[in-house]
């Protein structure tokens, strides 16, 4: 969209993001040729993907189950 001559404001409105987010994305694209985040950016995971699936399954099977019950059943310290 930017290469088609659209303004940052117009692109932001089209993709429902802030102008700042569009500008940052465009700057990264022109600088690095990618829009992906760097490996290792963000917070470290507290649960594994397997534990996440078990947590979701428990909640879907019994929607009234409490967080502490899920924590005890799954065996993790932190339940998101």
N, C-alpha and C. Protein backbone atom coordinates (compact mmCIF):
# COMPACT_ATOMS: atom_id res chain seq x y z
N UNK A 1 0.82 -1.18 0.00
CA UNK A 1 0.00 0.00 0.00
C UNK A 1 0.87 1.25 0.00
N UNK A 2 1.94 1.19 0.81
CA UNK A 2 2.83 2.35 0.83
C UNK A 2 3.54 2.48 -0.52
N UNK A 3 3.90 1.34 -1.13
CA UNK A 3 4.58 1.41 -2.42
C UNK A 3 3.64 1.92 -3.51
N UNK A 4 2.34 1.80 -3.30
CA UNK A 4 1.35 2.31 -4.25
C UNK A 4 1.13 3.81 -4.07
N UNK A 5 1.82 4.40 -3.10
CA UNK A 5 1.72 5.84 -2.90
C UNK A 5 0.73 6.26 -1.83
N UNK A 6 0.18 5.32 -1.09
CA UNK A 6 -0.76 5.65 -0.03
C UNK A 6 -0.03 6.33 1.12
N UNK A 7 -0.72 7.22 1.80
CA UNK A 7 -0.15 7.88 2.97
C UNK A 7 -0.21 6.93 4.17
N UNK A 8 0.60 7.22 5.17
CA UNK A 8 0.59 6.41 6.40
C UNK A 8 -0.79 6.45 7.04
N UNK A 9 -1.42 7.59 7.02
CA UNK A 9 -2.76 7.75 7.61
C UNK A 9 -3.78 6.88 6.88
N UNK A 10 -3.70 6.85 5.57
CA UNK A 10 -4.65 6.06 4.78
C UNK A 10 -4.44 4.56 5.02
N UNK A 11 -3.18 4.13 5.06
CA UNK A 11 -2.89 2.72 5.32
C UNK A 11 -3.39 2.34 6.71
N UNK A 12 -3.13 3.19 7.69
CA UNK A 12 -3.55 2.92 9.07
C UNK A 12 -5.07 2.75 9.14
N UNK A 13 -5.79 3.60 8.46
CA UNK A 13 -7.25 3.49 8.45
C UNK A 13 -7.73 2.23 7.76
N UNK A 14 -7.04 1.83 6.71
CA UNK A 14 -7.43 0.65 5.95
C UNK A 14 -7.22 -0.65 6.74
N UNK A 15 -6.12 -0.72 7.51
CA UNK A 15 -5.81 -1.95 8.25
C UNK A 15 -6.20 -1.85 9.72
N UNK A 16 -6.85 -0.76 10.10
CA UNK A 16 -7.33 -0.55 11.46
C UNK A 16 -6.21 -0.62 12.49
N UNK A 17 -5.13 0.09 12.23
CA UNK A 17 -4.00 0.19 13.14
C UNK A 17 -3.63 1.67 13.28
N UNK A 18 -2.83 1.97 14.29
CA UNK A 18 -2.42 3.36 14.48
C UNK A 18 -1.39 3.75 13.43
N UNK A 19 -1.29 5.05 13.20
CA UNK A 19 -0.29 5.54 12.25
C UNK A 19 1.11 5.17 12.71
N UNK A 20 1.33 5.22 14.02
CA UNK A 20 2.64 4.88 14.57
C UNK A 20 3.00 3.43 14.26
N UNK A 21 2.04 2.52 14.41
CA UNK A 21 2.29 1.10 14.14
C UNK A 21 2.63 0.89 12.66
N UNK A 22 1.91 1.57 11.79
CA UNK A 22 2.17 1.46 10.35
C UNK A 22 3.55 2.02 10.03
N UNK A 23 3.88 3.15 10.62
CA UNK A 23 5.18 3.77 10.38
C UNK A 23 6.31 2.86 10.85
N UNK A 24 6.16 2.29 12.05
CA UNK A 24 7.20 1.39 12.57
C UNK A 24 7.37 0.16 11.68
N UNK A 25 6.25 -0.40 11.24
CA UNK A 25 6.30 -1.57 10.37
C UNK A 25 6.98 -1.23 9.04
N UNK A 26 6.62 -0.09 8.48
CA UNK A 26 7.21 0.33 7.21
C UNK A 26 8.71 0.59 7.37
N UNK A 27 9.10 1.24 8.47
CA UNK A 27 10.52 1.49 8.72
C UNK A 27 11.30 0.19 8.81
N UNK A 28 10.74 -0.80 9.52
CA UNK A 28 11.42 -2.08 9.65
C UNK A 28 11.51 -2.78 8.29
N UNK A 29 10.45 -2.68 7.50
CA UNK A 29 10.44 -3.32 6.19
C UNK A 29 11.52 -2.71 5.28
N UNK A 30 11.64 -1.39 5.29
CA UNK A 30 12.63 -0.75 4.43
C UNK A 30 14.04 -0.96 4.95
N UNK A 31 14.18 -1.11 6.26
CA UNK A 31 15.50 -1.30 6.86
C UNK A 31 15.98 -2.75 6.75
N UNK A 32 15.09 -3.72 7.04
CA UNK A 32 15.49 -5.12 7.14
C UNK A 32 14.87 -6.03 6.09
N UNK A 33 13.87 -5.54 5.39
CA UNK A 33 13.20 -6.36 4.39
C UNK A 33 12.26 -7.40 4.97
N UNK A 34 11.87 -7.21 6.22
CA UNK A 34 10.95 -8.15 6.86
C UNK A 34 10.05 -7.41 7.83
N UNK A 35 8.93 -8.04 8.16
CA UNK A 35 8.02 -7.47 9.14
C UNK A 35 7.97 -8.33 10.39
N UNK A 36 8.74 -9.44 10.40
CA UNK A 36 8.68 -10.39 11.52
C UNK A 36 9.42 -9.86 12.74
N UNK A 37 8.96 -10.31 13.89
CA UNK A 37 9.65 -9.95 15.13
C UNK A 37 10.96 -10.72 15.22
N UNK A 38 11.88 -10.17 15.95
CA UNK A 38 13.16 -10.84 16.15
C UNK A 38 12.97 -12.04 17.06
N UNK A 39 13.73 -13.10 16.82
CA UNK A 39 13.67 -14.28 17.66
C UNK A 39 14.05 -13.91 19.08
N UNK A 40 13.27 -14.40 20.02
CA UNK A 40 13.57 -14.13 21.42
C UNK A 40 12.93 -12.87 21.95
N UNK A 41 12.23 -12.13 21.10
CA UNK A 41 11.57 -10.93 21.61
C UNK A 41 10.30 -11.34 22.34
N UNK A 42 9.98 -10.62 23.36
CA UNK A 42 8.78 -10.94 24.13
C UNK A 42 9.12 -11.66 25.42
N UNK A 43 8.10 -11.94 26.18
CA UNK A 43 8.25 -12.58 27.48
C UNK A 43 8.46 -14.07 27.31
N UNK A 44 9.21 -14.66 28.22
CA UNK A 44 9.40 -16.11 28.16
C UNK A 44 8.11 -16.80 28.57
N UNK A 45 7.89 -17.97 28.02
CA UNK A 45 6.65 -18.71 28.29
C UNK A 45 6.67 -19.29 29.69
N UNK A 46 5.52 -19.23 30.36
CA UNK A 46 5.37 -19.81 31.69
C UNK A 46 4.86 -21.25 31.60
N UNK A 47 4.15 -21.56 30.51
CA UNK A 47 3.63 -22.90 30.30
C UNK A 47 4.05 -23.39 28.93
N UNK A 48 4.12 -24.70 28.78
CA UNK A 48 4.45 -25.27 27.47
C UNK A 48 3.19 -25.28 26.60
N UNK A 49 3.36 -25.51 25.33
CA UNK A 49 2.21 -25.59 24.43
C UNK A 49 1.32 -26.77 24.81
N UNK A 50 1.92 -27.83 25.26
CA UNK A 50 1.15 -29.00 25.70
C UNK A 50 0.29 -28.66 26.91
N UNK A 51 0.89 -27.95 27.88
CA UNK A 51 0.13 -27.52 29.06
C UNK A 51 -0.99 -26.57 28.66
N UNK A 52 -0.72 -25.70 27.71
CA UNK A 52 -1.76 -24.78 27.22
C UNK A 52 -2.95 -25.55 26.66
N UNK A 53 -2.67 -26.59 25.86
CA UNK A 53 -3.75 -27.39 25.29
C UNK A 53 -4.56 -28.07 26.39
N UNK A 54 -3.88 -28.58 27.42
CA UNK A 54 -4.57 -29.24 28.53
C UNK A 54 -5.45 -28.25 29.29
N UNK A 55 -4.95 -27.04 29.49
CA UNK A 55 -5.72 -26.00 30.20
C UNK A 55 -6.99 -25.68 29.41
N UNK A 56 -6.84 -25.47 28.11
CA UNK A 56 -7.99 -25.14 27.26
C UNK A 56 -8.99 -26.29 27.27
N UNK A 57 -8.50 -27.52 27.15
CA UNK A 57 -9.39 -28.68 27.15
C UNK A 57 -10.20 -28.76 28.44
N UNK A 58 -9.52 -28.54 29.59
CA UNK A 58 -10.21 -28.58 30.88
C UNK A 58 -11.31 -27.52 30.93
N UNK A 59 -11.01 -26.33 30.46
CA UNK A 59 -11.98 -25.23 30.50
C UNK A 59 -13.15 -25.48 29.56
N UNK A 60 -12.90 -26.10 28.41
CA UNK A 60 -13.98 -26.37 27.46
C UNK A 60 -14.90 -27.49 27.94
N UNK A 61 -14.31 -28.50 28.57
CA UNK A 61 -15.09 -29.63 29.07
C UNK A 61 -16.01 -29.19 30.20
N UNK A 62 -15.48 -28.34 31.08
CA UNK A 62 -16.26 -27.87 32.22
C UNK A 62 -16.09 -26.35 32.35
N UNK A 63 -16.97 -25.56 31.74
CA UNK A 63 -16.83 -24.10 31.74
C UNK A 63 -16.89 -23.45 33.13
N UNK A 64 -17.39 -24.17 34.13
CA UNK A 64 -17.50 -23.58 35.47
C UNK A 64 -16.31 -23.92 36.36
N UNK A 65 -15.33 -24.64 35.81
CA UNK A 65 -14.17 -25.03 36.61
C UNK A 65 -13.35 -23.79 36.99
N UNK A 66 -12.79 -23.80 38.19
CA UNK A 66 -12.02 -22.65 38.66
C UNK A 66 -10.57 -22.76 38.22
N UNK A 67 -9.92 -21.63 38.26
CA UNK A 67 -8.51 -21.56 37.88
C UNK A 67 -7.64 -22.43 38.79
N UNK A 68 -7.94 -22.40 40.08
CA UNK A 68 -7.14 -23.20 41.02
C UNK A 68 -7.33 -24.70 40.78
N UNK A 69 -8.53 -25.11 40.38
CA UNK A 69 -8.76 -26.51 40.06
C UNK A 69 -7.98 -26.92 38.81
N UNK A 70 -8.00 -26.08 37.80
CA UNK A 70 -7.22 -26.36 36.59
C UNK A 70 -5.75 -26.45 36.94
N UNK A 71 -5.28 -25.51 37.74
CA UNK A 71 -3.87 -25.50 38.13
C UNK A 71 -3.49 -26.82 38.81
N UNK A 72 -4.34 -27.30 39.70
CA UNK A 72 -4.06 -28.55 40.41
C UNK A 72 -4.10 -29.75 39.46
N UNK A 73 -5.08 -29.76 38.55
CA UNK A 73 -5.22 -30.88 37.61
C UNK A 73 -4.09 -30.95 36.60
N UNK A 74 -3.72 -29.80 36.07
CA UNK A 74 -2.70 -29.76 35.03
C UNK A 74 -1.31 -29.84 35.64
N UNK A 75 -1.16 -29.34 36.84
CA UNK A 75 0.13 -29.41 37.52
C UNK A 75 1.10 -28.32 37.14
N UNK A 76 0.58 -27.12 36.90
CA UNK A 76 1.45 -25.99 36.58
C UNK A 76 1.26 -24.91 37.63
N UNK A 77 2.30 -24.11 37.83
CA UNK A 77 2.25 -23.06 38.84
C UNK A 77 1.40 -21.88 38.37
N UNK A 78 1.53 -21.53 37.09
CA UNK A 78 0.81 -20.37 36.55
C UNK A 78 -0.17 -20.81 35.49
N UNK A 79 -1.42 -20.51 35.69
CA UNK A 79 -2.44 -20.75 34.67
C UNK A 79 -2.82 -19.39 34.11
N UNK A 80 -2.61 -19.18 32.79
CA UNK A 80 -2.92 -17.88 32.19
C UNK A 80 -4.38 -17.53 32.27
